[in-house]
Structures are given as structure tokens and as C-alpha cells.
């Protein structure tokens, strides 16, 4: 099983224990130099002799352990990756997200009118964070509040955006 790298009979803990039980260098030297009747050896020494017959046995066991650990990590990650794929698909297919970004761009261009940034054709995604950082003259009111108010008054369909990309919220959490 070890020679073929067959992990079907071992779990992660068994392989870790097997690594701990591997013979020390002096034990290996003693077993290799043993000239007597192998049938008279203890069970442990028989086990060690069978391991020594496997080329690179320690490396093989370490590789088997790595494979088993990788499989368990992949099982944990698979649902998370699937959720991210769904979120990305929601973003790609959303008809409301481009409209919402266009509204944000329009508001930004309005606020920056007359400056060199007042006629922008786009914005960096990272600048979206500034929507909650840019405060109005009233406390706790941000630029995002004003944009949502504009959407509520003139672009009601944009209020459905959270439902349109709901997998993104689950993926972010």
C-alpha cells in the first residue's frame, strides 16, 4: 500500500502516527546489518524491515499524508468556491449594477464639475469605499445616502440591486 501510495486504507491521523513510528537512523542501520533469522525478530522489527523494502518509504508516507490533507482542505473549500462562482456570475449578469455605477459616476461628475476630474468616464472600484466616507453637512449622512435617495426618487429599479446580486453578500460574509 505504501509503495503504491494507496491512501484508501489510511486516514490523516493514521498517516501522522505512521510518520511518528518510523525507525530512527540507528534502528535502520541495525536492521540493515542484521544477519540472523528474520523470523526471530519482534513484530515491530518485521514491520520496520517491510518498510525498509519500500524505496523512499518516508517520502512516500509524507506524500500520502499531503494528498489526504489536501483532499480534506478541498472538501472544505469547494462550497466556498462555488459560492464565489455564483457571486461572480451574479455580477456578470446583473443588468442593474452597470446602471447603479452610471448613477454613481454621474453624481461624482456633478460634484467635481469644473475640476479636472469633473468629466470622468469611469472610476476605480476602490473609490466606492469613499461613498461612505464622504460626509454631508448633517452628521451620519454620507454620499451613499444621497445616491440612494436619488435612486429612490428617480431610479426605483436600482433599489432591486441587492436582490440582483444577493450571492455577493453571502460570499463576502
C-alpha atoms as a PDB file:
ATOM      1  CA  UNK A   1       0.000   0.000   0.000  1.00  0.00           C
ATOM      2  CA  UNK A   2       2.763   2.449   0.916  1.00  0.00           C
ATOM      3  CA  UNK A   3       4.808   1.549  -2.166  1.00  0.00           C
ATOM      4  CA  UNK A   4       1.847   2.265  -4.453  1.00  0.00           C
ATOM      5  CA  UNK A   5       0.830   5.359  -2.475  1.00  0.00           C
ATOM      6  CA  UNK A   6      -2.603   3.821  -1.817  1.00  0.00           C
ATOM      7  CA  UNK A   7      -4.340   6.074   0.711  1.00  0.00           C
ATOM      8  CA  UNK A   8      -7.594   4.109   0.779  1.00  0.00           C
ATOM      9  CA  UNK A   9      -6.665   2.229   3.964  1.00  0.00           C
ATOM     10  CA  UNK A  10      -5.276   5.265   5.799  1.00  0.00           C
ATOM     11  CA  UNK A  11      -6.770   8.471   7.103  1.00  0.00           C
ATOM     12  CA  UNK A  12      -4.818  11.617   8.003  1.00  0.00           C
ATOM     13  CA  UNK A  13      -4.355  10.640  11.653  1.00  0.00           C
ATOM     14  CA  UNK A  14      -3.143   7.131  10.786  1.00  0.00           C
ATOM     15  CA  UNK A  15      -0.557   8.559   8.411  1.00  0.00           C
ATOM     16  CA  UNK A  16       0.610  11.087  11.015  1.00  0.00           C
ATOM     17  CA  UNK A  17       1.000   8.287  13.554  1.00  0.00           C
ATOM     18  CA  UNK A  18       2.845   6.172  10.999  1.00  0.00           C
ATOM     19  CA  UNK A  19       5.289   9.023  10.409  1.00  0.00           C
ATOM     20  CA  UNK A  20       5.942   9.233  14.150  1.00  0.00           C
ATOM     21  CA  UNK A  21       6.621   5.492  14.307  1.00  0.00           C
ATOM     22  CA  UNK A  22       9.207   5.419  11.545  1.00  0.00           C
ATOM     23  CA  UNK A  23      12.528   3.909  12.603  1.00  0.00           C
ATOM     24  CA  UNK A  24      15.394   6.130  13.710  1.00  0.00           C
ATOM     25  CA  UNK A  25      18.654   6.114  11.754  1.00  0.00           C
ATOM     26  CA  UNK A  26      20.411   3.850  14.258  1.00  0.00           C
ATOM     27  CA  UNK A  27      17.487   1.391  14.139  1.00  0.00           C
ATOM     28  CA  UNK A  28      17.661   1.343  10.356  1.00  0.00           C
ATOM     29  CA  UNK A  29      21.413   0.685  10.483  1.00  0.00           C
ATOM     30  CA  UNK A  30      20.897  -2.160  12.988  1.00  0.00           C
ATOM     31  CA  UNK A  31      18.184  -3.765  10.867  1.00  0.00           C
ATOM     32  CA  UNK A  32      20.210  -3.464   7.655  1.00  0.00           C
ATOM     33  CA  UNK A  33      23.211  -5.074   9.302  1.00  0.00           C
ATOM     34  CA  UNK A  34      21.144  -7.888  10.894  1.00  0.00           C
ATOM     35  CA  UNK A  35      22.370 -11.277   9.620  1.00  0.00           C
ATOM     36  CA  UNK A  36      20.262 -13.614  11.783  1.00  0.00           C
ATOM     37  CA  UNK A  37      16.954 -15.365  11.177  1.00  0.00           C
ATOM     38  CA  UNK A  38      14.323 -12.687  10.415  1.00  0.00           C
ATOM     39  CA  UNK A  39      11.590 -14.934  11.888  1.00  0.00           C
ATOM     40  CA  UNK A  40      13.136 -14.453  15.326  1.00  0.00           C
ATOM     41  CA  UNK A  41      12.700 -10.681  15.183  1.00  0.00           C
ATOM     42  CA  UNK A  42       9.922  -8.917  17.069  1.00  0.00           C
ATOM     43  CA  UNK A  43       6.788  -7.798  15.181  1.00  0.00           C
ATOM     44  CA  UNK A  44       7.980  -4.191  15.258  1.00  0.00           C
ATOM     45  CA  UNK A  45      11.267  -5.158  13.629  1.00  0.00           C
ATOM     46  CA  UNK A  46       9.378  -7.171  10.962  1.00  0.00           C
ATOM     47  CA  UNK A  47       7.302  -4.066  10.286  1.00  0.00           C
ATOM     48  CA  UNK A  48      10.449  -1.950  10.007  1.00  0.00           C
ATOM     49  CA  UNK A  49      12.051  -4.485   7.647  1.00  0.00           C
ATOM     50  CA  UNK A  50       8.995  -4.415   5.393  1.00  0.00           C
ATOM     51  CA  UNK A  51       9.155  -0.598   5.390  1.00  0.00           C
ATOM     52  CA  UNK A  52      12.845  -0.672   4.520  1.00  0.00           C
ATOM     53  CA  UNK A  53      11.980  -2.797   1.483  1.00  0.00           C
ATOM     54  CA  UNK A  54       9.937   0.132   0.132  1.00  0.00           C
ATOM     55  CA  UNK A  55      12.133   2.655  -1.699  1.00  0.00           C
ATOM     56  CA  UNK A  56      11.901   6.147  -0.151  1.00  0.00           C
ATOM     57  CA  UNK A  57       9.261   4.925   2.324  1.00  0.00           C
ATOM     58  CA  UNK A  58       9.297   8.096   4.449  1.00  0.00           C
ATOM     59  CA  UNK A  59       8.845  10.344   1.429  1.00  0.00           C
ATOM     60  CA  UNK A  60       6.008   8.129   0.176  1.00  0.00           C
ATOM     61  CA  UNK A  61       4.209   8.325   3.520  1.00  0.00           C
ATOM     62  CA  UNK A  62       4.685  12.108   3.608  1.00  0.00           C
ATOM     63  CA  UNK A  63       3.230  12.351   0.088  1.00  0.00           C
ATOM     64  CA  UNK A  64       0.265  10.176   1.087  1.00  0.00           C
ATOM     65  CA  UNK A  65      -0.314  12.446   4.081  1.00  0.00           C
ATOM     66  CA  UNK A  66      -0.131  15.538   1.887  1.00  0.00           C
ATOM     67  CA  UNK A  67      -2.669  14.035  -0.527  1.00  0.00           C
ATOM     68  CA  UNK A  68      -5.082  13.191   2.283  1.00  0.00           C
ATOM     69  CA  UNK A  69      -4.731  16.627   3.902  1.00  0.00           C
ATOM     70  CA  UNK A  70      -5.219  18.304   0.528  1.00  0.00           C
ATOM     71  CA  UNK A  71      -8.412  16.342  -0.067  1.00  0.00           C
ATOM     72  CA  UNK A  72      -9.877  17.434   3.261  1.00  0.00           C
ATOM     73  CA  UNK A  73      -8.938  21.071   2.603  1.00  0.00           C
ATOM     74  CA  UNK A  74     -10.502  20.874  -0.853  1.00  0.00           C
ATOM     75  CA  UNK A  75     -13.726  19.485   0.626  1.00  0.00           C
ATOM     76  CA  UNK A  76     -13.864  22.485   2.966  1.00  0.00           C
ATOM     77  CA  UNK A  77     -13.094  24.991   0.203  1.00  0.00           C
ATOM     78  CA  UNK A  78     -15.369  23.574  -2.501  1.00  0.00           C
ATOM     79  CA  UNK A  79     -18.657  25.119  -1.240  1.00  0.00           C
ATOM     80  CA  UNK A  80     -16.925  28.468  -0.710  1.00  0.00           C
ATOM     81  CA  UNK A  81     -15.512  28.445  -4.234  1.00  0.00           C
ATOM     82  CA  UNK A  82     -18.919  27.515  -5.647  1.00  0.00           C
ATOM     83  CA  UNK A  83     -20.457  30.452  -3.775  1.00  0.00           C
ATOM     84  CA  UNK A  84     -17.784  32.777  -5.195  1.00  0.00           C
ATOM     85  CA  UNK A  85     -18.507  31.471  -8.692  1.00  0.00           C
ATOM     86  CA  UNK A  86     -22.204  32.183  -8.178  1.00  0.00           C
ATOM     87  CA  UNK A  87     -21.413  35.684  -6.898  1.00  0.00           C
ATOM     88  CA  UNK A  88     -19.197  36.393  -9.911  1.00  0.00           C
ATOM     89  CA  UNK A  89     -21.916  35.120 -12.220  1.00  0.00           C
ATOM     90  CA  UNK A  90     -24.447  37.408 -10.474  1.00  0.00           C
ATOM     91  CA  UNK A  91     -22.130  40.369 -11.044  1.00  0.00           C
ATOM     92  CA  UNK A  92     -21.544  39.495 -14.709  1.00  0.00           C
ATOM     93  CA  UNK A  93     -25.237  39.018 -15.478  1.00  0.00           C
ATOM     94  CA  UNK A  94     -26.613  41.898 -13.419  1.00  0.00           C
ATOM     95  CA  UNK A  95     -28.413  44.461 -15.515  1.00  0.00           C
ATOM     96  CA  UNK A  96     -28.766  46.805 -12.539  1.00  0.00           C
ATOM     97  CA  UNK A  97     -25.112  47.021 -11.489  1.00  0.00           C
ATOM     98  CA  UNK A  98     -23.966  48.977 -14.580  1.00  0.00           C
ATOM     99  CA  UNK A  99     -26.900  51.364 -14.127  1.00  0.00           C
ATOM    100  CA  UNK A 100     -26.025  51.882 -10.462  1.00  0.00           C
ATOM    101  CA  UNK A 101     -22.381  52.524 -11.374  1.00  0.00           C
ATOM    102  CA  UNK A 102     -23.547  55.011 -14.014  1.00  0.00           C
ATOM    103  CA  UNK A 103     -25.563  56.831 -11.338  1.00  0.00           C
ATOM    104  CA  UNK A 104     -22.519  56.938  -9.044  1.00  0.00           C
ATOM    105  CA  UNK A 105     -20.393  58.270 -11.913  1.00  0.00           C
ATOM    106  CA  UNK A 106     -22.986  60.961 -12.699  1.00  0.00           C
ATOM    107  CA  UNK A 107     -23.099  62.095  -9.072  1.00  0.00           C
ATOM    108  CA  UNK A 108     -19.294  62.129  -8.912  1.00  0.00           C
ATOM    109  CA  UNK A 109     -19.057  64.173 -12.105  1.00  0.00           C
ATOM    110  CA  UNK A 110     -21.686  66.584 -10.778  1.00  0.00           C
ATOM    111  CA  UNK A 111     -19.772  67.073  -7.514  1.00  0.00           C
ATOM    112  CA  UNK A 112     -16.477  67.524  -9.364  1.00  0.00           C
ATOM    113  CA  UNK A 113     -17.900  69.818 -12.061  1.00  0.00           C
ATOM    114  CA  UNK A 114     -15.394  72.434 -13.154  1.00  0.00           C
ATOM    115  CA  UNK A 115     -12.350  70.481 -11.962  1.00  0.00           C
ATOM    116  CA  UNK A 116     -10.092  68.191 -13.989  1.00  0.00           C
ATOM    117  CA  UNK A 117     -11.999  65.160 -12.607  1.00  0.00           C
ATOM    118  CA  UNK A 118     -15.432  66.583 -13.377  1.00  0.00           C
ATOM    119  CA  UNK A 119     -15.870  64.786 -16.674  1.00  0.00           C
ATOM    120  CA  UNK A 120     -14.700  61.298 -15.758  1.00  0.00           C
ATOM    121  CA  UNK A 121     -15.651  58.333 -17.928  1.00  0.00           C
ATOM    122  CA  UNK A 122     -15.193  55.822 -15.133  1.00  0.00           C
ATOM    123  CA  UNK A 123     -13.918  55.260 -11.617  1.00  0.00           C
ATOM    124  CA  UNK A 124     -11.860  52.767  -9.676  1.00  0.00           C
ATOM    125  CA  UNK A 125     -13.766  50.139  -7.709  1.00  0.00           C
ATOM    126  CA  UNK A 126     -11.703  51.091  -4.657  1.00  0.00           C
ATOM    127  CA  UNK A 127     -13.181  54.596  -4.782  1.00  0.00           C
ATOM    128  CA  UNK A 128     -16.612  53.129  -3.919  1.00  0.00           C
ATOM    129  CA  UNK A 129     -15.437  52.996  -0.315  1.00  0.00           C
ATOM    130  CA  UNK A 130     -15.323  56.791  -0.349  1.00  0.00           C
ATOM    131  CA  UNK A 131     -19.110  56.874  -0.778  1.00  0.00           C
ATOM    132  CA  UNK A 132     -19.483  56.026   2.905  1.00  0.00           C
ATOM    133  CA  UNK A 133     -16.533  58.195   3.949  1.00  0.00           C
ATOM    134  CA  UNK A 134     -17.718  61.384   2.239  1.00  0.00           C
ATOM    135  CA  UNK A 135     -19.934  63.073   4.835  1.00  0.00           C
ATOM    136  CA  UNK A 136     -22.648  65.642   4.296  1.00  0.00           C
ATOM    137  CA  UNK A 137     -23.046  68.698   6.499  1.00  0.00           C
ATOM    138  CA  UNK A 138     -25.525  66.672   8.604  1.00  0.00           C
ATOM    139  CA  UNK A 139     -23.970  64.157  10.930  1.00  0.00           C
ATOM    140  CA  UNK A 140     -24.032  60.485   9.911  1.00  0.00           C
ATOM    141  CA  UNK A 141     -25.285  61.267   6.393  1.00  0.00           C
ATOM    142  CA  UNK A 142     -22.907  60.157   3.650  1.00  0.00           C
ATOM    143  CA  UNK A 143     -22.707  60.484  -0.104  1.00  0.00           C
ATOM    144  CA  UNK A 144     -24.081  56.954  -0.367  1.00  0.00           C
ATOM    145  CA  UNK A 145     -27.238  58.096   1.445  1.00  0.00           C
ATOM    146  CA  UNK A 146     -27.713  60.836  -1.152  1.00  0.00           C
ATOM    147  CA  UNK A 147     -27.133  58.429  -4.037  1.00  0.00           C
ATOM    148  CA  UNK A 148     -29.694  56.008  -2.603  1.00  0.00           C
ATOM    149  CA  UNK A 149     -32.117  58.879  -2.128  1.00  0.00           C
ATOM    150  CA  UNK A 150     -31.635  59.790  -5.792  1.00  0.00           C
ATOM    151  CA  UNK A 151     -32.258  56.152  -6.759  1.00  0.00           C
ATOM    152  CA  UNK A 152     -35.395  56.089  -4.619  1.00  0.00           C
ATOM    153  CA  UNK A 153     -36.762  59.224  -6.265  1.00  0.00           C
ATOM    154  CA  UNK A 154     -35.731  58.767  -9.902  1.00  0.00           C
ATOM    155  CA  UNK A 155     -34.402  55.224 -10.430  1.00  0.00           C
ATOM    156  CA  UNK A 156     -36.652  52.893  -8.395  1.00  0.00           C
ATOM    157  CA  UNK A 157     -35.480  49.801 -10.299  1.00  0.00           C
ATOM    158  CA  UNK A 158     -31.970  50.270  -8.835  1.00  0.00           C
ATOM    159  CA  UNK A 159     -33.333  49.534  -5.373  1.00  0.00           C
ATOM    160  CA  UNK A 160     -33.592  45.896  -6.522  1.00  0.00           C
ATOM    161  CA  UNK A 161     -29.796  45.697  -6.927  1.00  0.00           C
ATOM    162  CA  UNK A 162     -29.194  43.893  -3.599  1.00  0.00           C
ATOM    163  CA  UNK A 163     -31.577  41.124  -4.711  1.00  0.00           C
ATOM    164  CA  UNK A 164     -29.931  41.037  -8.134  1.00  0.00           C
ATOM    165  CA  UNK A 165     -26.504  40.299  -6.629  1.00  0.00           C
ATOM    166  CA  UNK A 166     -27.508  38.651  -3.320  1.00  0.00           C
ATOM    167  CA  UNK A 167     -24.898  35.884  -3.654  1.00  0.00           C
ATOM    168  CA  UNK A 168     -22.215  38.578  -3.310  1.00  0.00           C
ATOM    169  CA  UNK A 169     -23.314  39.378   0.231  1.00  0.00           C
ATOM    170  CA  UNK A 170     -23.205  35.687   1.191  1.00  0.00           C
ATOM    171  CA  UNK A 171     -19.780  35.297  -0.442  1.00  0.00           C
ATOM    172  CA  UNK A 172     -18.435  38.354   1.391  1.00  0.00           C
ATOM    173  CA  UNK A 173     -19.602  37.120   4.794  1.00  0.00           C
END
